[in-house]
Amino acid sequence: MNVLGLITARGGSRGIPNKNLASCCGKPLVVWTCDAARAARSLTRTVISTDDPLIAETARQAGVEAPFLRPAVLASDTAKSLDVARHVIEWLSEHESWDADIVVLLQPTSPLRTSRHIDEAFGLLSPDAQSVVSVIEVPHRFKPWAVLTVEQGFAHDYESRDLPFDRFRRQGQPSLYARNGPAVVVSRAATIATGSFYGERCVLYPMTVADSVDIDDVADLHEADRLLRERTP
């Protein structure tokens, strides 16, 4: 079974210029994901898809393959990760006769995600599951029944239906989860071919809030830097 680690790292970024090459705890941001992928026992090989030659060379120096540069049409703000994954699967099949059975999507904006997280998520892909996605549990104060909306100047419950539990008591409420980036997506290539990373049978892999830092802006980058310095010798 061929398990492809796929790092997606386009050159453009609005929030932080050259975000994937920004310094984070002494390394370019993308290198943290390269290192995690290389240490993961579940991956057969790891490839980076990027349109930026400098990102490609940085990944190569970190031990990750960069066999091509991503087409410009797949490097815009509106390009979808699903289309990027399909391109990589097709390119490897056509140019190297190498067919991926499973794709593990790894976004470089999750530098606290480690090889342990990758291997644990992969281990949850049971024979009847189509995918695994990393998540964090939604805090009580952000659940739909705790959220307010404003109508004609006055606050109202966003979720106004009668609920089978007390919306003001945390005990007894169902757990809800949100994708944390996602930091890890494990998906069968056959599922990706149908137009989805997740399919209808997706397993959740919960991660801690600290491990789930997702870099959108400079504040996120500083927080990730602080956390990595605390845990990195």
C-alpha atoms as a PDB file:
ATOM      1  CA  MET A   1       0.000   0.000   0.000  1.00  0.00           C
ATOM      2  CA  ASN A   2       1.436   3.354  -1.078  1.00  0.00           C
ATOM      3  CA  VAL A   3       0.850   6.120   1.470  1.00  0.00           C
ATOM      4  CA  LEU A   4       1.660   9.582   0.138  1.00  0.00           C
ATOM      5  CA  GLY A   5       2.454  12.423   2.496  1.00  0.00           C
ATOM      6  CA  LEU A   6       1.382  15.574   0.635  1.00  0.00           C
ATOM      7  CA  ILE A   7       2.598  18.989   1.810  1.00  0.00           C
ATOM      8  CA  THR A   8       0.769  21.862   0.120  1.00  0.00           C
ATOM      9  CA  ALA A   9       2.648  25.185   0.202  1.00  0.00           C
ATOM     10  CA  ARG A  10       1.945  27.841  -2.367  1.00  0.00           C
ATOM     11  CA  GLY A  11       4.144  30.925  -2.557  1.00  0.00           C
ATOM     12  CA  GLY A  12       1.502  33.633  -2.184  1.00  0.00           C
ATOM     13  CA  SER A  13       0.067  34.720   1.166  1.00  0.00           C
ATOM     14  CA  ARG A  14      -1.975  37.751   2.174  1.00  0.00           C
ATOM     15  CA  GLY A  15      -1.685  37.607   5.963  1.00  0.00           C
ATOM     16  CA  ILE A  16       2.091  37.058   6.194  1.00  0.00           C
ATOM     17  CA  PRO A  17       4.339  37.689   3.163  1.00  0.00           C
ATOM     18  CA  ASN A  18       6.147  34.466   2.179  1.00  0.00           C
ATOM     19  CA  LYS A  19       4.391  32.777   5.104  1.00  0.00           C
ATOM     20  CA  ASN A  20       5.616  29.262   4.404  1.00  0.00           C
ATOM     21  CA  LEU A  21       9.223  30.491   4.592  1.00  0.00           C
ATOM     22  CA  ALA A  22       8.693  32.720   7.645  1.00  0.00           C
ATOM     23  CA  SER A  23      11.000  31.958  10.558  1.00  0.00           C
ATOM     24  CA  CYS A  24       9.360  29.968  13.353  1.00  0.00           C
ATOM     25  CA  CYS A  25      11.542  28.889  16.266  1.00  0.00           C
ATOM     26  CA  GLY A  26      14.656  29.085  14.113  1.00  0.00           C
ATOM     27  CA  LYS A  27      13.320  27.246  11.050  1.00  0.00           C
ATOM     28  CA  PRO A  28      11.310  28.184   7.974  1.00  0.00           C
ATOM     29  CA  LEU A  29       7.687  27.357   8.781  1.00  0.00           C
ATOM     30  CA  VAL A  30       7.431  24.682   6.085  1.00  0.00           C
ATOM     31  CA  VAL A  31      10.397  22.775   7.524  1.00  0.00           C
ATOM     32  CA  TRP A  32       8.463  21.852  10.681  1.00  0.00           C
ATOM     33  CA  THR A  33       6.009  19.917   8.535  1.00  0.00           C
ATOM     34  CA  CYS A  34       8.808  18.437   6.425  1.00  0.00           C
ATOM     35  CA  ASP A  35      10.500  17.147   9.584  1.00  0.00           C
ATOM     36  CA  ALA A  36       7.253  15.698  10.957  1.00  0.00           C
ATOM     37  CA  ALA A  37       6.527  13.920   7.674  1.00  0.00           C
ATOM     38  CA  ARG A  38      10.018  12.464   7.393  1.00  0.00           C
ATOM     39  CA  ALA A  39       9.773  11.049  10.920  1.00  0.00           C
ATOM     40  CA  ALA A  40       6.305   9.542  10.386  1.00  0.00           C
ATOM     41  CA  ARG A  41       6.471   5.767  10.085  1.00  0.00           C
ATOM     42  CA  SER A  42       3.160   5.496   8.245  1.00  0.00           C
ATOM     43  CA  LEU A  43       4.217   7.421   5.123  1.00  0.00           C
ATOM     44  CA  THR A  44       5.738   5.647   2.139  1.00  0.00           C
ATOM     45  CA  ARG A  45       7.027   8.901   0.644  1.00  0.00           C
ATOM     46  CA  THR A  46       6.436  12.636   1.028  1.00  0.00           C
ATOM     47  CA  VAL A  47       6.064  15.181  -1.773  1.00  0.00           C
ATOM     48  CA  ILE A  48       5.584  18.937  -1.611  1.00  0.00           C
ATOM     49  CA  SER A  49       3.323  20.719  -4.081  1.00  0.00           C
ATOM     50  CA  THR A  50       4.371  24.347  -4.502  1.00  0.00           C
ATOM     51  CA  ASP A  51       4.599  26.972  -7.216  1.00  0.00           C
ATOM     52  CA  ASP A  52       7.570  28.666  -5.510  1.00  0.00           C
ATOM     53  CA  PRO A  53      11.108  27.514  -6.448  1.00  0.00           C
ATOM     54  CA  LEU A  54      12.514  28.703  -3.097  1.00  0.00           C
ATOM     55  CA  ILE A  55       9.925  26.725  -1.127  1.00  0.00           C
ATOM     56  CA  ALA A  56      10.680  23.699  -3.305  1.00  0.00           C
ATOM     57  CA  GLU A  57      14.428  24.003  -2.639  1.00  0.00           C
ATOM     58  CA  THR A  58      13.851  24.528   1.104  1.00  0.00           C
ATOM     59  CA  ALA A  59      11.782  21.328   1.185  1.00  0.00           C
ATOM     60  CA  ARG A  60      14.461  19.414  -0.726  1.00  0.00           C
ATOM     61  CA  GLN A  61      17.086  20.510   1.778  1.00  0.00           C
ATOM     62  CA  ALA A  62      14.766  19.216   4.517  1.00  0.00           C
ATOM     63  CA  GLY A  63      14.618  15.811   2.822  1.00  0.00           C
ATOM     64  CA  VAL A  64      11.252  16.093   1.067  1.00  0.00           C
ATOM     65  CA  GLU A  65      10.706  15.472  -2.633  1.00  0.00           C
ATOM     66  CA  ALA A  66       9.774  18.391  -4.911  1.00  0.00           C
ATOM     67  CA  PRO A  67       9.525  16.691  -8.306  1.00  0.00           C
ATOM     68  CA  PHE A  68       7.655  19.530 -10.051  1.00  0.00           C
ATOM     69  CA  LEU A  69       6.372  23.080  -9.620  1.00  0.00           C
ATOM     70  CA  ARG A  70       2.623  23.430  -9.217  1.00  0.00           C
ATOM     71  CA  PRO A  71       0.805  24.991 -12.208  1.00  0.00           C
ATOM     72  CA  ALA A  72      -0.171  28.631 -11.673  1.00  0.00           C
ATOM     73  CA  VAL A  73      -3.860  27.784 -12.058  1.00  0.00           C
ATOM     74  CA  LEU A  74      -3.572  25.713  -8.852  1.00  0.00           C
ATOM     75  CA  ALA A  75      -1.655  28.380  -6.915  1.00  0.00           C
ATOM     76  CA  SER A  76      -4.240  31.163  -6.699  1.00  0.00           C
ATOM     77  CA  ASP A  77      -6.163  32.315  -3.617  1.00  0.00           C
ATOM     78  CA  THR A  78      -9.181  30.393  -4.846  1.00  0.00           C
ATOM     79  CA  ALA A  79      -7.407  27.129  -5.722  1.00  0.00           C
ATOM     80  CA  LYS A  80      -8.767  24.148  -3.798  1.00  0.00           C
ATOM     81  CA  SER A  81      -6.602  21.675  -1.899  1.00  0.00           C
ATOM     82  CA  LEU A  82      -8.672  18.875  -3.413  1.00  0.00           C
ATOM     83  CA  ASP A  83      -7.640  19.913  -6.933  1.00  0.00           C
ATOM     84  CA  VAL A  84      -4.019  20.166  -5.810  1.00  0.00           C
ATOM     85  CA  ALA A  85      -4.179  16.631  -4.406  1.00  0.00           C
ATOM     86  CA  ARG A  86      -5.716  15.293  -7.603  1.00  0.00           C
ATOM     87  CA  HIS A  87      -2.961  16.959  -9.639  1.00  0.00           C
ATOM     88  CA  VAL A  88      -0.232  15.362  -7.512  1.00  0.00           C
ATOM     89  CA  ILE A  89      -1.844  11.907  -7.674  1.00  0.00           C
ATOM     90  CA  GLU A  90      -2.177  12.153 -11.460  1.00  0.00           C
ATOM     91  CA  TRP A  91       1.343  13.573 -11.947  1.00  0.00           C
ATOM     92  CA  LEU A  92       3.016  10.796  -9.955  1.00  0.00           C
ATOM     93  CA  SER A  93       1.006   8.159 -11.784  1.00  0.00           C
ATOM     94  CA  GLU A  94       1.724   9.575 -15.256  1.00  0.00           C
ATOM     95  CA  HIS A  95       5.383  10.565 -14.787  1.00  0.00           C
ATOM     96  CA  GLU A  96       6.644   7.961 -12.309  1.00  0.00           C
ATOM     97  CA  SER A  97       4.108   5.111 -12.599  1.00  0.00           C
ATOM     98  CA  TRP A  98       3.606   5.468  -8.840  1.00  0.00           C
ATOM     99  CA  ASP A  99       0.020   5.189  -7.648  1.00  0.00           C
ATOM    100  CA  ALA A 100      -1.025   6.457  -4.234  1.00  0.00           C
ATOM    101  CA  ASP A 101      -3.532   4.360  -2.320  1.00  0.00           C
ATOM    102  CA  ILE A 102      -3.817   6.797   0.596  1.00  0.00           C
ATOM    103  CA  VAL A 103      -2.985  10.517   0.761  1.00  0.00           C
ATOM    104  CA  VAL A 104      -2.079  12.231   4.036  1.00  0.00           C
ATOM    105  CA  LEU A 105      -2.602  15.968   3.565  1.00  0.00           C
ATOM    106  CA  LEU A 106      -0.215  18.061   5.679  1.00  0.00           C
ATOM    107  CA  GLN A 107      -0.527  21.841   5.627  1.00  0.00           C
ATOM    108  CA  PRO A 108       2.629  23.725   6.701  1.00  0.00           C
ATOM    109  CA  THR A 109       0.532  26.171   8.726  1.00  0.00           C
ATOM    110  CA  SER A 110       0.339  23.558  11.519  1.00  0.00           C
ATOM    111  CA  PRO A 111       3.912  23.499  12.902  1.00  0.00           C
ATOM    112  CA  LEU A 112       2.914  21.933  16.248  1.00  0.00           C
ATOM    113  CA  ARG A 113       1.654  18.809  14.479  1.00  0.00           C
ATOM    114  CA  THR A 114       4.271  16.059  14.871  1.00  0.00           C
ATOM    115  CA  SER A 115       5.021  12.636  13.408  1.00  0.00           C
ATOM    116  CA  ARG A 116       3.109  11.120  16.337  1.00  0.00           C
ATOM    117  CA  HIS A 117      -0.054  12.922  15.272  1.00  0.00           C
ATOM    118  CA  ILE A 118       0.400  11.761  11.675  1.00  0.00           C
ATOM    119  CA  ASP A 119       0.872   8.123  12.695  1.00  0.00           C
ATOM    120  CA  GLU A 120      -1.975   8.172  15.215  1.00  0.00           C
ATOM    121  CA  ALA A 121      -4.389   9.664  12.675  1.00  0.00           C
ATOM    122  CA  PHE A 122      -3.330   7.127  10.059  1.00  0.00           C
ATOM    123  CA  GLY A 123      -3.890   4.333  12.568  1.00  0.00           C
ATOM    124  CA  LEU A 124      -7.568   5.311  12.839  1.00  0.00           C
ATOM    125  CA  LEU A 125      -8.251   4.582   9.163  1.00  0.00           C
ATOM    126  CA  SER A 126     -10.184   1.359   9.599  1.00  0.00           C
ATOM    127  CA  PRO A 127     -11.059  -0.805   6.563  1.00  0.00           C
ATOM    128  CA  ASP A 128     -14.581   0.649   6.390  1.00  0.00           C
ATOM    129  CA  ALA A 129     -13.498   4.289   6.856  1.00  0.00           C
ATOM    130  CA  GLN A 130     -12.889   6.612   3.922  1.00  0.00           C
ATOM    131  CA  SER A 131     -10.927   9.254   5.786  1.00  0.00           C
ATOM    132  CA  VAL A 132      -9.625  10.629   9.081  1.00  0.00           C
ATOM    133  CA  VAL A 133      -9.504  14.324   9.958  1.00  0.00           C
ATOM    134  CA  SER A 134      -7.854  16.081  12.897  1.00  0.00           C
ATOM    135  CA  VAL A 135     -10.122  18.234  15.063  1.00  0.00           C
ATOM    136  CA  ILE A 136     -10.389  20.122  18.326  1.00  0.00           C
ATOM    137  CA  GLU A 137     -13.385  20.009  20.627  1.00  0.00           C
ATOM    138  CA  VAL A 138     -15.527  23.156  20.404  1.00  0.00           C
ATOM    139  CA  PRO A 139     -15.482  25.039  23.748  1.00  0.00           C
ATOM    140  CA  HIS A 140     -18.829  25.360  25.526  1.00  0.00           C
ATOM    141  CA  ARG A 141     -19.004  29.120  24.979  1.00  0.00           C
ATOM    142  CA  PHE A 142     -18.728  28.735  21.190  1.00  0.00           C
ATOM    143  CA  LYS A 143     -21.319  25.987  20.671  1.00  0.00           C
ATOM    144  CA  PRO A 144     -24.325  26.969  18.497  1.00  0.00           C
ATOM    145  CA  TRP A 145     -26.770  27.093  21.398  1.00  0.00           C
ATOM    146  CA  ALA A 146     -24.491  29.554  23.245  1.00  0.00           C
ATOM    147  CA  VAL A 147     -24.151  31.917  20.289  1.00  0.00           C
ATOM    148  CA  LEU A 148     -26.236  35.084  19.981  1.00  0.00           C
ATOM    149  CA  THR A 149     -27.404  37.041  16.971  1.00  0.00           C
ATOM    150  CA  VAL A 150     -28.791  40.576  16.811  1.00  0.00           C
ATOM    151  CA  GLU A 151     -32.145  41.390  15.256  1.00  0.00           C
ATOM    152  CA  GLN A 152     -33.541  44.938  15.257  1.00  0.00           C
ATOM    153  CA  GLY A 153     -30.966  45.929  17.855  1.00  0.00           C
ATOM    154  CA  PHE A 154     -31.714  43.141  20.363  1.00  0.00           C
ATOM    155  CA  ALA A 155     -29.915  39.877  21.104  1.00  0.00           C
ATOM    156  CA  HIS A 156     -31.521  36.528  20.357  1.00  0.00           C
ATOM    157  CA  ASP A 157     -30.356  32.946  20.588  1.00  0.00           C
ATOM    158  CA  TYR A 158     -28.928  31.874  17.224  1.00  0.00           C
ATOM    159  CA  GLU A 159     -30.166  28.352  17.922  1.00  0.00           C
ATOM    160  CA  SER A 160     -33.704  29.152  19.043  1.00  0.00           C
ATOM    161  CA  ARG A 161     -35.210  25.668  18.914  1.00  0.00           C
ATOM    162  CA  ASP A 162     -36.128  23.779  22.066  1.00  0.00           C
ATOM    163  CA  LEU A 163     -33.172  21.614  23.043  1.00  0.00           C
ATOM    164  CA  PRO A 164     -33.144  18.247  24.837  1.00  0.00           C
ATOM    165  CA  PHE A 165     -30.659  19.682  27.349  1.00  0.00           C
ATOM    166  CA  ASP A 166     -30.063  22.873  29.306  1.00  0.00           C
ATOM    167  CA  ARG A 167     -28.214  25.320  27.061  1.00  0.00           C
ATOM    168  CA  PHE A 168     -26.746  27.051  30.131  1.00  0.00           C
ATOM    169  CA  ARG A 169     -25.318  23.923  31.810  1.00  0.00           C
ATOM    170  CA  ARG A 170     -22.195  22.410  30.303  1.00  0.00           C
ATOM    171  CA  GLN A 171     -22.972  19.005  31.816  1.00  0.00           C
ATOM    172  CA  GLY A 172     -25.135  16.828  29.590  1.00  0.00           C
ATOM    173  CA  GLN A 173     -24.466  18.741  26.391  1.00  0.00           C
ATOM    174  CA  PRO A 174     -23.218  16.858  23.325  1.00  0.00           C
ATOM    175  CA  SER A 175     -19.606  17.274  22.248  1.00  0.00           C
ATOM    176  CA  LEU A 176     -18.970  19.156  19.021  1.00  0.00           C
ATOM    177  CA  TYR A 177     -15.754  19.253  17.011  1.00  0.00           C
ATOM    178  CA  ALA A 178     -14.128  21.620  14.530  1.00  0.00           C
ATOM    179  CA  ARG A 179     -11.384  20.986  12.001  1.00  0.00           C
ATOM    180  CA  ASN A 180      -8.102  22.389  13.317  1.00  0.00           C
ATOM    181  CA  GLY A 181      -6.684  23.500  10.010  1.00  0.00           C
ATOM    182  CA  PRO A 182      -6.912  20.602   9.482  1.00  0.00           C
ATOM    183  CA  ALA A 183      -3.454  19.644  10.684  1.00  0.00           C
ATOM    184  CA  VAL A 184      -3.864  16.111   9.303  1.00  0.00           C
ATOM    185  CA  VAL A 185      -6.230  14.635   6.748  1.00  0.00           C
ATOM    186  CA  VAL A 186      -5.881  10.954   5.878  1.00  0.00           C
ATOM    187  CA  SER A 187      -7.884  10.121   2.779  1.00  0.00           C
ATOM    188  CA  ARG A 188      -8.128   7.203   0.401  1.00  0.00           C
ATOM    189  CA  ALA A 189      -7.163   8.112  -3.167  1.00  0.00           C
ATOM    190  CA  ALA A 190     -10.428   6.552  -4.310  1.00  0.00           C
ATOM    191  CA  THR A 191     -12.323   8.976  -2.067  1.00  0.00           C
ATOM    192  CA  ILE A 192     -10.403  11.962  -3.448  1.00  0.00           C
ATOM    193  CA  ALA A 193     -11.288  10.786  -6.962  1.00  0.00           C
ATOM    194  CA  THR A 194     -14.995  11.161  -6.109  1.00  0.00           C
ATOM    195  CA  GLY A 195     -14.495  14.869  -5.304  1.00  0.00           C
ATOM    196  CA  SER A 196     -14.040  14.852  -1.541  1.00  0.00           C
ATOM    197  CA  PHE A 197     -11.307  14.392   1.031  1.00  0.00           C
ATOM    198  CA  TYR A 198     -13.810  13.032   3.538  1.00  0.00           C
ATOM    199  CA  GLY A 199     -16.459  10.906   1.883  1.00  0.00           C
ATOM    200  CA  GLU A 200     -19.402   9.744   3.984  1.00  0.00           C
ATOM    201  CA  ARG A 201     -17.407   7.716   6.527  1.00  0.00           C
ATOM    202  CA  CYS A 202     -14.949  10.052   8.197  1.00  0.00           C
ATOM    203  CA  VAL A 203     -13.269   9.323  11.547  1.00  0.00           C
ATOM    204  CA  LEU A 204     -12.311  12.168  13.898  1.00  0.00           C
ATOM    205  CA  TYR A 205      -8.847  12.481  15.420  1.00  0.00           C
ATOM    206  CA  PRO A 206      -8.981  14.958  18.359  1.00  0.00           C
ATOM    207  CA  MET A 207      -5.890  17.057  19.089  1.00  0.00           C
ATOM    208  CA  THR A 208      -5.120  19.527  21.869  1.00  0.00           C
ATOM    209  CA  VAL A 209      -5.588  23.257  21.375  1.00  0.00           C
ATOM    210  CA  ALA A 210      -1.836  23.878  21.745  1.00  0.00           C
ATOM    211  CA  ASP A 211      -0.957  21.272  19.101  1.00  0.00           C
ATOM    212  CA  SER A 212      -3.602  22.730  16.788  1.00  0.00           C
ATOM    213  CA  VAL A 213      -2.204  26.256  16.318  1.00  0.00           C
ATOM    214  CA  ASP A 214      -2.943  27.196  12.700  1.00  0.00           C
ATOM    215  CA  ILE A 215      -0.913  30.070  11.258  1.00  0.00           C
ATOM    216  CA  ASP A 216      -3.179  32.721   9.732  1.00  0.00           C
ATOM    217  CA  ASP A 217      -1.530  35.925  10.957  1.00  0.00           C
ATOM    218  CA  VAL A 218       1.529  37.255  12.766  1.00  0.00           C
ATOM    219  CA  ALA A 219      -0.039  36.669  16.201  1.00  0.00           C
ATOM    220  CA  ASP A 220      -0.462  32.968  15.359  1.00  0.00           C
ATOM    221  CA  LEU A 221       3.159  32.809  14.200  1.00  0.00           C
ATOM    222  CA  HIS A 222       4.371  34.334  17.472  1.00  0.00           C
ATOM    223  CA  GLU A 223       2.254  31.900  19.500  1.00  0.00           C
ATOM    224  CA  ALA A 224       3.583  28.918  17.569  1.00  0.00           C
ATOM    225  CA  ASP A 225       7.133  30.202  18.026  1.00  0.00           C
ATOM    226  CA  ARG A 226       6.583  30.499  21.790  1.00  0.00           C
ATOM    227  CA  LEU A 227       5.093  27.019  22.124  1.00  0.00           C
ATOM    228  CA  LEU A 228       7.826  25.411  20.037  1.00  0.00           C
ATOM    229  CA  ARG A 229      10.553  27.100  22.058  1.00  0.00           C
ATOM    230  CA  GLU A 230       8.967  25.759  25.243  1.00  0.00           C
ATOM    231  CA  ARG A 231       9.059  22.167  24.004  1.00  0.00           C
ATOM    232  CA  THR A 232      12.148  22.187  21.745  1.00  0.00           C
ATOM    233  CA  PRO A 233      15.577  21.631  23.365  1.00  0.00           C
END
